[in-house]
Amino acid sequence: MEILRDRLMQCFQAGIERRTSQ
């Protein structure tokens, strides 16, 4: 399930970016 891991990493990265932006 590589897609699932890729999606998780994307969501995780997006969360970090949002926290940094805020």
PDB file of N, CA and C in Angstrom:
ATOM      1  N   MET A   1       0.863  -1.210   0.000  1.00  0.00           N
ATOM      2  CA  MET A   1       0.000   0.000   0.000  1.00  0.00           C
ATOM      3  C   MET A   1       0.893   1.252   0.000  1.00  0.00           C
ATOM      4  N   GLU A   2       1.541   1.499  -1.102  1.00  0.00           N
ATOM      5  CA  GLU A   2       2.424   2.689  -1.156  1.00  0.00           C
ATOM      6  C   GLU A   2       1.591   3.966  -1.217  1.00  0.00           C
ATOM      7  N   ILE A   3       0.449   3.887  -1.883  1.00  0.00           N
ATOM      8  CA  ILE A   3      -0.390   5.100  -2.023  1.00  0.00           C
ATOM      9  C   ILE A   3      -0.817   5.589  -0.641  1.00  0.00           C
ATOM     10  N   LEU A   4      -1.196   4.669   0.213  1.00  0.00           N
ATOM     11  CA  LEU A   4      -1.664   5.073   1.553  1.00  0.00           C
ATOM     12  C   LEU A   4      -0.539   5.811   2.282  1.00  0.00           C
ATOM     13  N   ARG A   5       0.677   5.259   2.212  1.00  0.00           N
ATOM     14  CA  ARG A   5       1.808   5.911   2.914  1.00  0.00           C
ATOM     15  C   ARG A   5       2.065   7.283   2.276  1.00  0.00           C
ATOM     16  N   ASP A   6       1.996   7.368   0.957  1.00  0.00           N
ATOM     17  CA  ASP A   6       2.250   8.659   0.287  1.00  0.00           C
ATOM     18  C   ASP A   6       1.211   9.685   0.749  1.00  0.00           C
ATOM     19  N   ARG A   7      -0.049   9.230   0.862  1.00  0.00           N
ATOM     20  CA  ARG A   7      -1.115  10.160   1.269  1.00  0.00           C
ATOM     21  C   ARG A   7      -0.864  10.593   2.709  1.00  0.00           C
ATOM     22  N   LEU A   8      -0.452   9.671   3.544  1.00  0.00           N
ATOM     23  CA  LEU A   8      -0.215  10.011   4.959  1.00  0.00           C
ATOM     24  C   LEU A   8       0.916  11.037   5.054  1.00  0.00           C
ATOM     25  N   MET A   9       1.973  10.805   4.296  1.00  0.00           N
ATOM     26  CA  MET A   9       3.105  11.748   4.342  1.00  0.00           C
ATOM     27  C   MET A   9       2.658  13.128   3.854  1.00  0.00           C
ATOM     28  N   GLN A  10       1.849  13.148   2.817  1.00  0.00           N
ATOM     29  CA  GLN A  10       1.380  14.444   2.287  1.00  0.00           C
ATOM     30  C   GLN A  10       0.547  15.160   3.347  1.00  0.00           C
ATOM     31  N   CYS A  11      -0.339  14.404   3.996  1.00  0.00           N
ATOM     32  CA  CYS A  11      -1.204  15.020   5.020  1.00  0.00           C
ATOM     33  C   CYS A  11      -0.326  15.521   6.171  1.00  0.00           C
ATOM     34  N   PHE A  12       0.658  14.714   6.549  1.00  0.00           N
ATOM     35  CA  PHE A  12       1.541  15.108   7.652  1.00  0.00           C
ATOM     36  C   PHE A  12       2.310  16.380   7.295  1.00  0.00           C
ATOM     37  N   GLN A  13       2.854  16.396   6.085  1.00  0.00           N
ATOM     38  CA  GLN A  13       3.612  17.580   5.640  1.00  0.00           C
ATOM     39  C   GLN A  13       2.699  18.806   5.602  1.00  0.00           C
ATOM     40  N   ALA A  14       1.483  18.625   5.110  1.00  0.00           N
ATOM     41  CA  ALA A  14       0.542  19.757   5.017  1.00  0.00           C
ATOM     42  C   ALA A  14       0.245  20.274   6.422  1.00  0.00           C
ATOM     43  N   GLY A  15       0.094  19.370   7.375  1.00  0.00           N
ATOM     44  CA  GLY A  15      -0.184  19.792   8.761  1.00  0.00           C
ATOM     45  C   GLY A  15       0.976  20.615   9.305  1.00  0.00           C
ATOM     46  N   ILE A  16       2.182  20.178   9.053  1.00  0.00           N
ATOM     47  CA  ILE A  16       3.354  20.919   9.564  1.00  0.00           C
ATOM     48  C   ILE A  16       3.391  22.307   8.924  1.00  0.00           C
ATOM     49  N   GLU A  17       3.144  22.340   7.621  1.00  0.00           N
ATOM     50  CA  GLU A  17       3.176  23.647   6.925  1.00  0.00           C
ATOM     51  C   GLU A  17       2.112  24.569   7.515  1.00  0.00           C
ATOM     52  N   ARG A  18       0.954  24.015   7.805  1.00  0.00           N
ATOM     53  CA  ARG A  18      -0.125  24.849   8.349  1.00  0.00           C
ATOM     54  C   ARG A  18       0.285  25.367   9.721  1.00  0.00           C
ATOM     55  N   ARG A  19       0.866  24.524  10.528  1.00  0.00           N
ATOM     56  CA  ARG A  19       1.267  24.956  11.884  1.00  0.00           C
ATOM     57  C   ARG A  19       2.343  26.038  11.750  1.00  0.00           C
ATOM     58  N   THR A  20       3.256  25.856  10.843  1.00  0.00           N
ATOM     59  CA  THR A  20       4.325  26.850  10.684  1.00  0.00           C
ATOM     60  C   THR A  20       3.735  28.161  10.153  1.00  0.00           C
ATOM     61  N   SER A  21       2.789  28.039   9.232  1.00  0.00           N
ATOM     62  CA  SER A  21       2.182  29.253   8.652  1.00  0.00           C
ATOM     63  C   SER A  21       1.427  30.013   9.741  1.00  0.00           C
ATOM     64  N   GLN A  22       0.753  29.254  10.591  1.00  0.00           N
ATOM     65  CA  GLN A  22      -0.024  29.902  11.650  1.00  0.00           C
ATOM     66  C   GLN A  22       0.951  30.446  12.675  1.00  0.00           C
TER      67      GLN A  22
END
